[in-house]
């Protein structure tokens, strides 16, 4: 490995004219200097592509390409094919990186084999990163066993967003890239495949990224049967990755929790998706979804608010007693 390996920052771009300049500024501000930035515009209908091309004119390490609208996964795969870096940093067109994000992770990875992974801390923001809601995840530590990382993450119901990772190129090449048939939880499905084939994982607390919540065009806000089906298909990858470990109680429980949480997001009219989810839970050895009350409580709390939920629980307790 070179002493100063190139890191490729890959950005799928679609209708992000309000955000792409700030995102690119955060890339250009990286304290690790050996970076290239590859942008693939996915058929934007606003001025996103024009703004990206203005950056390309100013900076030699920025390359901009365009394709007909084919989805973010397709754009990421094309960006990867154009890239040359030994490490890959994925970044959505509205999210931001701390200036030291890449440098801190690379300092650790350069001492390891080319199948080691690192991930950093991430938080959400609206409008400005001055007030960030940092996500404290149960997986925020080092792992010698990637399977343990995955089961802990899935059991928690939380996620490590795609930009938090720094991926060795070798692992992406061996993974066959992003599954372009999956549009929801595509990042969870992709990163699970990479993690499952890694040698070890390192959590770098001061390596930070920022997830924008105020973008109304975000795919993560979609709720439709197609979106639900994509989510369910992504969980099929989780299941297949664990086929050799299904005699492990923690593995089975973590997968059952994934399907149980998903089950309570499905509207009653989509009976086929409900049956598929229940079938997976049964195949894992559970007669019914896990943590039913906890899941309903979470849904009610989001609808009623914390105080009203507290009052409702007091009332239920009185009725039981």
C-alpha atoms as a PDB file:
ATOM      1  CA  UNK A   1       0.000   0.000   0.000  1.00  0.00           C
ATOM      2  CA  UNK A   2       1.199   3.518  -0.804  1.00  0.00           C
ATOM      3  CA  UNK A   3       2.178   5.739   2.115  1.00  0.00           C
ATOM      4  CA  UNK A   4      -0.462   8.222   1.008  1.00  0.00           C
ATOM      5  CA  UNK A   5      -3.274   6.228  -0.614  1.00  0.00           C
ATOM      6  CA  UNK A   6      -5.891   8.071  -2.617  1.00  0.00           C
ATOM      7  CA  UNK A   7      -9.374   8.271  -1.132  1.00  0.00           C
ATOM      8  CA  UNK A   8     -12.253   8.567  -3.596  1.00  0.00           C
ATOM      9  CA  UNK A   9     -15.335  10.451  -2.387  1.00  0.00           C
ATOM     10  CA  UNK A  10     -18.301   9.208  -4.428  1.00  0.00           C
ATOM     11  CA  UNK A  11     -21.440  11.347  -4.616  1.00  0.00           C
ATOM     12  CA  UNK A  12     -24.722  10.443  -6.357  1.00  0.00           C
ATOM     13  CA  UNK A  13     -26.429  13.721  -7.265  1.00  0.00           C
ATOM     14  CA  UNK A  14     -30.144  14.254  -7.805  1.00  0.00           C
ATOM     15  CA  UNK A  15     -32.069  17.528  -7.412  1.00  0.00           C
ATOM     16  CA  UNK A  16     -29.855  18.825  -4.605  1.00  0.00           C
ATOM     17  CA  UNK A  17     -29.149  22.338  -5.864  1.00  0.00           C
ATOM     18  CA  UNK A  18     -29.739  23.771  -2.369  1.00  0.00           C
ATOM     19  CA  UNK A  19     -27.139  21.526  -0.746  1.00  0.00           C
ATOM     20  CA  UNK A  20     -24.467  20.276  -3.167  1.00  0.00           C
ATOM     21  CA  UNK A  21     -22.164  23.299  -2.837  1.00  0.00           C
ATOM     22  CA  UNK A  22     -21.995  22.960   0.964  1.00  0.00           C
ATOM     23  CA  UNK A  23     -21.430  19.221   0.625  1.00  0.00           C
ATOM     24  CA  UNK A  24     -18.546  19.734  -1.816  1.00  0.00           C
ATOM     25  CA  UNK A  25     -17.038  22.414   0.410  1.00  0.00           C
ATOM     26  CA  UNK A  26     -16.948  19.881   3.259  1.00  0.00           C
ATOM     27  CA  UNK A  27     -15.103  17.456   0.969  1.00  0.00           C
ATOM     28  CA  UNK A  28     -12.592  20.066  -0.149  1.00  0.00           C
ATOM     29  CA  UNK A  29     -11.978  21.016   3.496  1.00  0.00           C
ATOM     30  CA  UNK A  30     -10.665  17.535   4.381  1.00  0.00           C
ATOM     31  CA  UNK A  31      -7.346  17.644   6.223  1.00  0.00           C
ATOM     32  CA  UNK A  32      -6.275  14.505   4.350  1.00  0.00           C
ATOM     33  CA  UNK A  33      -5.148  15.984   1.012  1.00  0.00           C
ATOM     34  CA  UNK A  34      -4.997  12.934  -1.243  1.00  0.00           C
ATOM     35  CA  UNK A  35      -8.606  12.795  -2.339  1.00  0.00           C
ATOM     36  CA  UNK A  36     -10.559  12.721  -5.565  1.00  0.00           C
ATOM     37  CA  UNK A  37     -14.250  13.585  -5.771  1.00  0.00           C
ATOM     38  CA  UNK A  38     -16.413  11.735  -8.281  1.00  0.00           C
ATOM     39  CA  UNK A  39     -19.943  13.035  -8.863  1.00  0.00           C
ATOM     40  CA  UNK A  40     -22.556  11.220 -10.954  1.00  0.00           C
ATOM     41  CA  UNK A  41     -25.679  13.254 -11.660  1.00  0.00           C
ATOM     42  CA  UNK A  42     -28.710  10.981 -11.853  1.00  0.00           C
ATOM     43  CA  UNK A  43     -30.891  13.012 -14.208  1.00  0.00           C
ATOM     44  CA  UNK A  44     -31.376  16.093 -12.024  1.00  0.00           C
ATOM     45  CA  UNK A  45     -34.117  18.482 -13.133  1.00  0.00           C
ATOM     46  CA  UNK A  46     -32.812  21.494 -11.219  1.00  0.00           C
ATOM     47  CA  UNK A  47     -29.431  23.278 -11.310  1.00  0.00           C
ATOM     48  CA  UNK A  48     -27.543  20.561  -9.426  1.00  0.00           C
ATOM     49  CA  UNK A  49     -25.477  19.461 -12.431  1.00  0.00           C
ATOM     50  CA  UNK A  50     -24.602  23.049 -13.359  1.00  0.00           C
ATOM     51  CA  UNK A  51     -23.365  23.767  -9.829  1.00  0.00           C
ATOM     52  CA  UNK A  52     -21.279  20.568  -9.805  1.00  0.00           C
ATOM     53  CA  UNK A  53     -19.713  21.461 -13.165  1.00  0.00           C
ATOM     54  CA  UNK A  54     -18.712  24.887 -11.809  1.00  0.00           C
ATOM     55  CA  UNK A  55     -16.788  23.105  -9.046  1.00  0.00           C
ATOM     56  CA  UNK A  56     -15.225  20.799 -11.654  1.00  0.00           C
ATOM     57  CA  UNK A  57     -13.877  23.829 -13.518  1.00  0.00           C
ATOM     58  CA  UNK A  58     -12.210  25.168 -10.366  1.00  0.00           C
ATOM     59  CA  UNK A  59     -10.736  21.975  -8.887  1.00  0.00           C
ATOM     60  CA  UNK A  60      -8.667  19.371 -10.723  1.00  0.00           C
ATOM     61  CA  UNK A  61      -9.589  16.603  -8.276  1.00  0.00           C
ATOM     62  CA  UNK A  62     -13.336  16.875  -9.012  1.00  0.00           C
ATOM     63  CA  UNK A  63     -14.839  14.911 -11.889  1.00  0.00           C
ATOM     64  CA  UNK A  64     -18.506  15.163 -12.876  1.00  0.00           C
ATOM     65  CA  UNK A  65     -20.479  12.666 -14.946  1.00  0.00           C
ATOM     66  CA  UNK A  66     -24.152  12.422 -15.843  1.00  0.00           C
ATOM     67  CA  UNK A  67     -26.620   9.626 -16.567  1.00  0.00           C
ATOM     68  CA  UNK A  68     -30.329   9.275 -17.189  1.00  0.00           C
ATOM     69  CA  UNK A  69     -32.291   8.822 -13.980  1.00  0.00           C
ATOM     70  CA  UNK A  70     -31.515   5.291 -12.813  1.00  0.00           C
ATOM     71  CA  UNK A  71     -31.388   5.579  -9.028  1.00  0.00           C
ATOM     72  CA  UNK A  72     -28.748   6.349  -6.413  1.00  0.00           C
ATOM     73  CA  UNK A  73     -27.308   2.822  -6.386  1.00  0.00           C
ATOM     74  CA  UNK A  74     -26.694   2.951 -10.125  1.00  0.00           C
ATOM     75  CA  UNK A  75     -24.996   6.341  -9.749  1.00  0.00           C
ATOM     76  CA  UNK A  76     -22.792   5.005  -6.941  1.00  0.00           C
ATOM     77  CA  UNK A  77     -21.765   1.998  -9.024  1.00  0.00           C
ATOM     78  CA  UNK A  78     -20.880   4.224 -11.959  1.00  0.00           C
ATOM     79  CA  UNK A  79     -18.913   6.577  -9.690  1.00  0.00           C
ATOM     80  CA  UNK A  80     -16.978   3.604  -8.316  1.00  0.00           C
ATOM     81  CA  UNK A  81     -16.076   2.507 -11.858  1.00  0.00           C
ATOM     82  CA  UNK A  82     -14.673   5.966 -12.571  1.00  0.00           C
ATOM     83  CA  UNK A  83     -12.744   6.132  -9.292  1.00  0.00           C
ATOM     84  CA  UNK A  84      -9.089   5.232  -8.670  1.00  0.00           C
ATOM     85  CA  UNK A  85      -8.817   5.432  -4.866  1.00  0.00           C
ATOM     86  CA  UNK A  86      -7.594   2.611  -2.641  1.00  0.00           C
ATOM     87  CA  UNK A  87     -10.277   3.684  -0.155  1.00  0.00           C
ATOM     88  CA  UNK A  88     -13.844   4.751  -0.838  1.00  0.00           C
ATOM     89  CA  UNK A  89     -15.893   7.377   0.988  1.00  0.00           C
ATOM     90  CA  UNK A  90     -19.571   7.398  -0.018  1.00  0.00           C
ATOM     91  CA  UNK A  91     -21.455  10.633   0.582  1.00  0.00           C
ATOM     92  CA  UNK A  92     -24.969  11.767  -0.321  1.00  0.00           C
ATOM     93  CA  UNK A  93     -25.322  15.143  -1.988  1.00  0.00           C
ATOM     94  CA  UNK A  94     -26.922  16.811   1.047  1.00  0.00           C
ATOM     95  CA  UNK A  95     -24.763  15.444   3.881  1.00  0.00           C
ATOM     96  CA  UNK A  96     -21.519  16.803   5.325  1.00  0.00           C
ATOM     97  CA  UNK A  97     -18.152  15.562   6.579  1.00  0.00           C
ATOM     98  CA  UNK A  98     -16.081  16.937   9.470  1.00  0.00           C
ATOM     99  CA  UNK A  99     -12.697  18.175   8.149  1.00  0.00           C
ATOM    100  CA  UNK A 100     -10.798  15.398   9.983  1.00  0.00           C
ATOM    101  CA  UNK A 101     -13.248  12.611   9.077  1.00  0.00           C
ATOM    102  CA  UNK A 102     -11.151  10.802   6.473  1.00  0.00           C
ATOM    103  CA  UNK A 103      -7.730  11.512   7.979  1.00  0.00           C
ATOM    104  CA  UNK A 104      -8.573  10.003  11.371  1.00  0.00           C
ATOM    105  CA  UNK A 105      -9.991   6.818   9.893  1.00  0.00           C
ATOM    106  CA  UNK A 106      -7.157   6.383   7.443  1.00  0.00           C
ATOM    107  CA  UNK A 107      -4.539   6.721  10.168  1.00  0.00           C
ATOM    108  CA  UNK A 108      -5.956   3.531  11.687  1.00  0.00           C
ATOM    109  CA  UNK A 109      -6.630   1.607   8.477  1.00  0.00           C
ATOM    110  CA  UNK A 110      -3.152   2.173   7.044  1.00  0.00           C
ATOM    111  CA  UNK A 111      -1.789  -0.023   9.864  1.00  0.00           C
ATOM    112  CA  UNK A 112      -4.167  -2.914   9.061  1.00  0.00           C
ATOM    113  CA  UNK A 113      -4.818  -5.397   6.282  1.00  0.00           C
ATOM    114  CA  UNK A 114      -6.928  -4.330   3.316  1.00  0.00           C
ATOM    115  CA  UNK A 115     -10.078  -5.993   4.656  1.00  0.00           C
ATOM    116  CA  UNK A 116     -10.301  -3.919   7.853  1.00  0.00           C
ATOM    117  CA  UNK A 117     -13.075  -1.341   8.165  1.00  0.00           C
ATOM    118  CA  UNK A 118     -13.504   1.832  10.160  1.00  0.00           C
ATOM    119  CA  UNK A 119     -16.597   3.860  10.976  1.00  0.00           C
ATOM    120  CA  UNK A 120     -17.105   7.124  12.769  1.00  0.00           C
ATOM    121  CA  UNK A 121     -19.678   8.999  14.777  1.00  0.00           C
ATOM    122  CA  UNK A 122     -22.690  10.555  13.102  1.00  0.00           C
ATOM    123  CA  UNK A 123     -25.475  12.933  13.977  1.00  0.00           C
ATOM    124  CA  UNK A 124     -28.484  14.648  12.422  1.00  0.00           C
ATOM    125  CA  UNK A 125     -29.060  18.350  11.814  1.00  0.00           C
ATOM    126  CA  UNK A 126     -31.543  20.808  10.380  1.00  0.00           C
ATOM    127  CA  UNK A 127     -30.265  23.801   8.409  1.00  0.00           C
ATOM    128  CA  UNK A 128     -26.986  24.116  10.359  1.00  0.00           C
ATOM    129  CA  UNK A 129     -24.510  21.752  12.054  1.00  0.00           C
ATOM    130  CA  UNK A 130     -24.248  24.110  15.037  1.00  0.00           C
ATOM    131  CA  UNK A 131     -26.877  21.972  16.794  1.00  0.00           C
ATOM    132  CA  UNK A 132     -26.226  18.310  16.035  1.00  0.00           C
ATOM    133  CA  UNK A 133     -28.157  15.415  17.545  1.00  0.00           C
ATOM    134  CA  UNK A 134     -25.388  12.847  17.939  1.00  0.00           C
ATOM    135  CA  UNK A 135     -26.421   9.190  17.696  1.00  0.00           C
ATOM    136  CA  UNK A 136     -24.869   7.108  20.463  1.00  0.00           C
ATOM    137  CA  UNK A 137     -25.037   3.571  19.096  1.00  0.00           C
ATOM    138  CA  UNK A 138     -24.443   0.321  21.016  1.00  0.00           C
ATOM    139  CA  UNK A 139     -22.000  -0.687  18.261  1.00  0.00           C
ATOM    140  CA  UNK A 140     -19.725   2.321  18.809  1.00  0.00           C
ATOM    141  CA  UNK A 141     -16.663   0.267  19.717  1.00  0.00           C
ATOM    142  CA  UNK A 142     -14.057  -1.957  18.032  1.00  0.00           C
ATOM    143  CA  UNK A 143     -14.895  -5.472  16.823  1.00  0.00           C
ATOM    144  CA  UNK A 144     -12.678  -8.462  16.054  1.00  0.00           C
ATOM    145  CA  UNK A 145     -15.800 -10.390  15.024  1.00  0.00           C
ATOM    146  CA  UNK A 146     -17.830  -8.673  12.239  1.00  0.00           C
ATOM    147  CA  UNK A 147     -20.795 -11.013  12.835  1.00  0.00           C
ATOM    148  CA  UNK A 148     -21.033  -9.750  16.417  1.00  0.00           C
ATOM    149  CA  UNK A 149     -21.166  -6.190  15.081  1.00  0.00           C
ATOM    150  CA  UNK A 150     -24.031  -7.029  12.725  1.00  0.00           C
ATOM    151  CA  UNK A 151     -26.117  -8.890  15.293  1.00  0.00           C
ATOM    152  CA  UNK A 152     -25.650  -6.085  17.840  1.00  0.00           C
ATOM    153  CA  UNK A 153     -26.630  -3.458  15.266  1.00  0.00           C
ATOM    154  CA  UNK A 154     -29.700  -5.336  14.018  1.00  0.00           C
ATOM    155  CA  UNK A 155     -30.889  -6.119  17.536  1.00  0.00           C
ATOM    156  CA  UNK A 156     -30.679  -2.417  18.427  1.00  0.00           C
ATOM    157  CA  UNK A 157     -32.859  -1.289  15.524  1.00  0.00           C
ATOM    158  CA  UNK A 158     -30.355   1.483  14.775  1.00  0.00           C
ATOM    159  CA  UNK A 159     -28.047   2.103  11.813  1.00  0.00           C
ATOM    160  CA  UNK A 160     -24.578   3.225  10.833  1.00  0.00           C
ATOM    161  CA  UNK A 161     -25.167   5.636   7.951  1.00  0.00           C
ATOM    162  CA  UNK A 162     -23.193   5.067   4.767  1.00  0.00           C
ATOM    163  CA  UNK A 163     -20.966   8.142   5.031  1.00  0.00           C
ATOM    164  CA  UNK A 164     -19.762   7.090   8.500  1.00  0.00           C
ATOM    165  CA  UNK A 165     -17.736   4.289   6.883  1.00  0.00           C
ATOM    166  CA  UNK A 166     -14.418   4.329   5.060  1.00  0.00           C
ATOM    167  CA  UNK A 167     -14.270   1.266   2.786  1.00  0.00           C
ATOM    168  CA  UNK A 168     -11.190  -0.459   1.350  1.00  0.00           C
ATOM    169  CA  UNK A 169     -11.567  -0.771  -2.414  1.00  0.00           C
ATOM    170  CA  UNK A 170     -10.893  -4.514  -2.277  1.00  0.00           C
ATOM    171  CA  UNK A 171     -13.999  -5.247  -0.209  1.00  0.00           C
ATOM    172  CA  UNK A 172     -16.245  -3.316  -2.605  1.00  0.00           C
ATOM    173  CA  UNK A 173     -14.793  -5.125  -5.609  1.00  0.00           C
ATOM    174  CA  UNK A 174     -15.433  -8.480  -3.939  1.00  0.00           C
ATOM    175  CA  UNK A 175     -18.995  -7.491  -2.970  1.00  0.00           C
ATOM    176  CA  UNK A 176     -20.238  -6.858  -6.535  1.00  0.00           C
ATOM    177  CA  UNK A 177     -21.219  -3.315  -5.596  1.00  0.00           C
ATOM    178  CA  UNK A 178     -24.630  -1.815  -4.861  1.00  0.00           C
ATOM    179  CA  UNK A 179     -27.777  -3.813  -5.614  1.00  0.00           C
ATOM    180  CA  UNK A 180     -29.609  -1.553  -8.066  1.00  0.00           C
ATOM    181  CA  UNK A 181     -32.919  -3.361  -7.508  1.00  0.00           C
ATOM    182  CA  UNK A 182     -33.061  -2.120  -3.907  1.00  0.00           C
ATOM    183  CA  UNK A 183     -34.101   1.500  -3.352  1.00  0.00           C
ATOM    184  CA  UNK A 184     -34.868   1.557   0.393  1.00  0.00           C
ATOM    185  CA  UNK A 185     -32.307   0.392   2.956  1.00  0.00           C
ATOM    186  CA  UNK A 186     -29.883   0.067   0.046  1.00  0.00           C
ATOM    187  CA  UNK A 187     -27.122   1.405   2.302  1.00  0.00           C
ATOM    188  CA  UNK A 188     -27.937  -1.070   5.085  1.00  0.00           C
ATOM    189  CA  UNK A 189     -27.929  -3.978   2.625  1.00  0.00           C
ATOM    190  CA  UNK A 190     -24.669  -2.868   0.982  1.00  0.00           C
ATOM    191  CA  UNK A 191     -22.766  -2.200   4.202  1.00  0.00           C
ATOM    192  CA  UNK A 192     -23.946  -5.516   5.724  1.00  0.00           C
ATOM    193  CA  UNK A 193     -22.371  -7.407   2.823  1.00  0.00           C
ATOM    194  CA  UNK A 194     -19.133  -5.470   3.209  1.00  0.00           C
ATOM    195  CA  UNK A 195     -18.993  -5.919   6.989  1.00  0.00           C
ATOM    196  CA  UNK A 196     -19.675  -9.661   6.758  1.00  0.00           C
ATOM    197  CA  UNK A 197     -16.533 -10.108   4.641  1.00  0.00           C
ATOM    198  CA  UNK A 198     -14.278  -7.762   6.610  1.00  0.00           C
ATOM    199  CA  UNK A 199     -11.499  -8.835   8.980  1.00  0.00           C
ATOM    200  CA  UNK A 200     -12.185  -6.408  11.847  1.00  0.00           C
ATOM    201  CA  UNK A 201     -13.849  -3.063  12.570  1.00  0.00           C
ATOM    202  CA  UNK A 202     -12.606   0.080  14.264  1.00  0.00           C
ATOM    203  CA  UNK A 203     -14.785   2.840  15.711  1.00  0.00           C
ATOM    204  CA  UNK A 204     -13.156   6.297  15.488  1.00  0.00           C
ATOM    205  CA  UNK A 205     -15.106   8.608  17.807  1.00  0.00           C
ATOM    206  CA  UNK A 206     -13.688  11.904  16.533  1.00  0.00           C
ATOM    207  CA  UNK A 207     -14.278  10.969  12.890  1.00  0.00           C
ATOM    208  CA  UNK A 208     -17.624  12.688  12.359  1.00  0.00           C
ATOM    209  CA  UNK A 209     -20.314  13.174   9.746  1.00  0.00           C
ATOM    210  CA  UNK A 210     -23.584  15.049   9.573  1.00  0.00           C
ATOM    211  CA  UNK A 211     -26.912  13.770   8.214  1.00  0.00           C
ATOM    212  CA  UNK A 212     -29.309  16.425   6.927  1.00  0.00           C
ATOM    213  CA  UNK A 213     -32.933  16.004   8.035  1.00  0.00           C
ATOM    214  CA  UNK A 214     -34.483  19.014   6.280  1.00  0.00           C
ATOM    215  CA  UNK A 215     -34.286  17.667   2.709  1.00  0.00           C
ATOM    216  CA  UNK A 216     -37.858  16.896   1.659  1.00  0.00           C
ATOM    217  CA  UNK A 217     -36.626  15.057  -1.453  1.00  0.00           C
ATOM    218  CA  UNK A 218     -34.883  12.361   0.600  1.00  0.00           C
ATOM    219  CA  UNK A 219     -35.721   8.788  -0.484  1.00  0.00           C
ATOM    220  CA  UNK A 220     -35.775   7.751   3.176  1.00  0.00           C
ATOM    221  CA  UNK A 221     -39.051   9.690   3.550  1.00  0.00           C
ATOM    222  CA  UNK A 222     -40.860   7.489   1.013  1.00  0.00           C
ATOM    223  CA  UNK A 223     -43.631   5.221   2.349  1.00  0.00           C
ATOM    224  CA  UNK A 224     -45.251   3.006  -0.281  1.00  0.00           C
ATOM    225  CA  UNK A 225     -45.683  -0.685  -1.004  1.00  0.00           C
ATOM    226  CA  UNK A 226     -42.713  -0.516  -3.369  1.00  0.00           C
ATOM    227  CA  UNK A 227     -40.599   1.000  -0.595  1.00  0.00           C
ATOM    228  CA  UNK A 228     -41.746  -1.639   1.880  1.00  0.00           C
ATOM    229  CA  UNK A 229     -40.941  -4.416  -0.596  1.00  0.00           C
ATOM    230  CA  UNK A 230     -37.467  -2.974  -1.109  1.00  0.00           C
ATOM    231  CA  UNK A 231     -36.931  -2.952   2.637  1.00  0.00           C
ATOM    232  CA  UNK A 232     -38.072  -6.562   2.927  1.00  0.00           C
ATOM    233  CA  UNK A 233     -35.763  -7.588   0.066  1.00  0.00           C
ATOM    234  CA  UNK A 234     -32.819  -5.957   1.808  1.00  0.00           C
ATOM    235  CA  UNK A 235     -33.510  -8.088   4.882  1.00  0.00           C
ATOM    236  CA  UNK A 236     -33.230 -11.179   2.670  1.00  0.00           C
ATOM    237  CA  UNK A 237     -29.546 -10.318   2.300  1.00  0.00           C
ATOM    238  CA  UNK A 238     -29.197 -10.182   6.091  1.00  0.00           C
ATOM    239  CA  UNK A 239     -30.760 -13.637   6.316  1.00  0.00           C
ATOM    240  CA  UNK A 240     -28.481 -15.120   3.644  1.00  0.00           C
ATOM    241  CA  UNK A 241     -25.368 -13.624   5.237  1.00  0.00           C
ATOM    242  CA  UNK A 242     -26.215 -15.467   8.455  1.00  0.00           C
ATOM    243  CA  UNK A 243     -27.196 -18.840   6.987  1.00  0.00           C
ATOM    244  CA  UNK A 244     -24.058 -20.491   8.379  1.00  0.00           C
ATOM    245  CA  UNK A 245     -24.708 -19.016  11.833  1.00  0.00           C
ATOM    246  CA  UNK A 246     -28.398 -19.780  12.360  1.00  0.00           C
ATOM    247  CA  UNK A 247     -27.572 -22.176  15.185  1.00  0.00           C
ATOM    248  CA  UNK A 248     -26.461 -19.101  17.163  1.00  0.00           C
ATOM    249  CA  UNK A 249     -29.239 -17.777  19.437  1.00  0.00           C
ATOM    250  CA  UNK A 250     -28.044 -14.150  19.184  1.00  0.00           C
ATOM    251  CA  UNK A 251     -28.046 -14.324  15.385  1.00  0.00           C
ATOM    252  CA  UNK A 252     -31.583 -15.729  15.243  1.00  0.00           C
ATOM    253  CA  UNK A 253     -32.864 -13.195  17.765  1.00  0.00           C
ATOM    254  CA  UNK A 254     -31.312 -10.226  15.930  1.00  0.00           C
ATOM    255  CA  UNK A 255     -32.876 -11.296  12.635  1.00  0.00           C
ATOM    256  CA  UNK A 256     -36.240 -11.933  14.298  1.00  0.00           C
ATOM    257  CA  UNK A 257     -36.097  -8.415  15.751  1.00  0.00           C
ATOM    258  CA  UNK A 258     -35.414  -6.962  12.292  1.00  0.00           C
ATOM    259  CA  UNK A 259     -38.528  -8.645  10.870  1.00  0.00           C
ATOM    260  CA  UNK A 260     -40.602  -7.874  13.997  1.00  0.00           C
ATOM    261  CA  UNK A 261     -39.900  -4.137  13.811  1.00  0.00           C
ATOM    262  CA  UNK A 262     -40.613  -4.132  10.109  1.00  0.00           C
ATOM    263  CA  UNK A 263     -43.899  -5.984  10.632  1.00  0.00           C
ATOM    264  CA  UNK A 264     -45.357  -3.108  12.641  1.00  0.00           C
ATOM    265  CA  UNK A 265     -44.628  -0.614   9.851  1.00  0.00           C
ATOM    266  CA  UNK A 266     -46.747  -2.505   7.302  1.00  0.00           C
ATOM    267  CA  UNK A 267     -50.308  -1.214   6.740  1.00  0.00           C
ATOM    268  CA  UNK A 268     -52.953  -3.966   7.204  1.00  0.00           C
ATOM    269  CA  UNK A 269     -53.876  -3.838   3.495  1.00  0.00           C
ATOM    270  CA  UNK A 270     -50.513  -5.350   2.488  1.00  0.00           C
ATOM    271  CA  UNK A 271     -51.292  -8.828   3.744  1.00  0.00           C
ATOM    272  CA  UNK A 272     -48.704 -10.510   1.511  1.00  0.00           C
ATOM    273  CA  UNK A 273     -45.876  -8.531   3.144  1.00  0.00           C
ATOM    274  CA  UNK A 274     -47.265  -9.290   6.588  1.00  0.00           C
ATOM    275  CA  UNK A 275     -47.354 -13.007   5.834  1.00  0.00           C
ATOM    276  CA  UNK A 276     -43.801 -12.988   4.462  1.00  0.00           C
ATOM    277  CA  UNK A 277     -42.507 -11.232   7.573  1.00  0.00           C
ATOM    278  CA  UNK A 278     -44.338 -13.578   9.926  1.00  0.00           C
ATOM    279  CA  UNK A 279     -43.015 -16.539   7.949  1.00  0.00           C
ATOM    280  CA  UNK A 280     -39.425 -15.384   8.440  1.00  0.00           C
ATOM    281  CA  UNK A 281     -40.005 -14.927  12.169  1.00  0.00           C
ATOM    282  CA  UNK A 282     -41.459 -18.431  12.396  1.00  0.00           C
ATOM    283  CA  UNK A 283     -38.531 -19.888  10.411  1.00  0.00           C
ATOM    284  CA  UNK A 284     -36.192 -18.377  12.988  1.00  0.00           C
ATOM    285  CA  UNK A 285     -37.936 -20.341  15.719  1.00  0.00           C
ATOM    286  CA  UNK A 286     -40.288 -17.718  17.137  1.00  0.00           C
ATOM    287  CA  UNK A 287     -44.032 -18.314  17.261  1.00  0.00           C
ATOM    288  CA  UNK A 288     -44.824 -14.587  17.266  1.00  0.00           C
ATOM    289  CA  UNK A 289     -43.069 -11.240  16.710  1.00  0.00           C
ATOM    290  CA  UNK A 290     -40.606 -10.212  19.417  1.00  0.00           C
ATOM    291  CA  UNK A 291     -41.066  -7.384  21.914  1.00  0.00           C
ATOM    292  CA  UNK A 292     -44.622  -6.670  20.818  1.00  0.00           C
ATOM    293  CA  UNK A 293     -45.442  -4.266  23.660  1.00  0.00           C
ATOM    294  CA  UNK A 294     -42.130  -2.438  23.285  1.00  0.00           C
ATOM    295  CA  UNK A 295     -42.794  -1.923  19.588  1.00  0.00           C
ATOM    296  CA  UNK A 296     -46.334  -0.677  20.118  1.00  0.00           C
ATOM    297  CA  UNK A 297     -45.075   1.575  22.890  1.00  0.00           C
ATOM    298  CA  UNK A 298     -42.524   3.126  20.530  1.00  0.00           C
ATOM    299  CA  UNK A 299     -45.187   3.771  17.880  1.00  0.00           C
ATOM    300  CA  UNK A 300     -47.610   5.249  20.439  1.00  0.00           C
ATOM    301  CA  UNK A 301     -44.894   7.461  21.927  1.00  0.00           C
ATOM    302  CA  UNK A 302     -44.097   8.896  18.513  1.00  0.00           C
ATOM    303  CA  UNK A 303     -47.790   9.692  18.001  1.00  0.00           C
ATOM    304  CA  UNK A 304     -48.747  10.869  21.472  1.00  0.00           C
ATOM    305  CA  UNK A 305     -45.559  12.487  22.721  1.00  0.00           C
ATOM    306  CA  UNK A 306     -43.508  11.470  25.758  1.00  0.00           C
ATOM    307  CA  UNK A 307     -45.704  13.134  28.416  1.00  0.00           C
ATOM    308  CA  UNK A 308     -49.004  11.767  27.109  1.00  0.00           C
ATOM    309  CA  UNK A 309     -47.417   8.338  26.762  1.00  0.00           C
ATOM    310  CA  UNK A 310     -46.344   8.511  30.401  1.00  0.00           C
ATOM    311  CA  UNK A 311     -49.925   9.398  31.432  1.00  0.00           C
ATOM    312  CA  UNK A 312     -51.339   6.547  29.322  1.00  0.00           C
ATOM    313  CA  UNK A 313     -49.006   4.014  30.949  1.00  0.00           C
ATOM    314  CA  UNK A 314     -50.074   5.241  34.427  1.00  0.00           C
ATOM    315  CA  UNK A 315     -53.722   4.780  33.472  1.00  0.00           C
ATOM    316  CA  UNK A 316     -53.094   1.250  32.126  1.00  0.00           C
ATOM    317  CA  UNK A 317     -51.212   0.354  35.315  1.00  0.00           C
ATOM    318  CA  UNK A 318     -54.184   1.464  37.454  1.00  0.00           C
ATOM    319  CA  UNK A 319     -56.582  -0.594  35.329  1.00  0.00           C
ATOM    320  CA  UNK A 320     -54.412  -3.716  35.652  1.00  0.00           C
ATOM    321  CA  UNK A 321     -54.048  -3.334  39.404  1.00  0.00           C
END
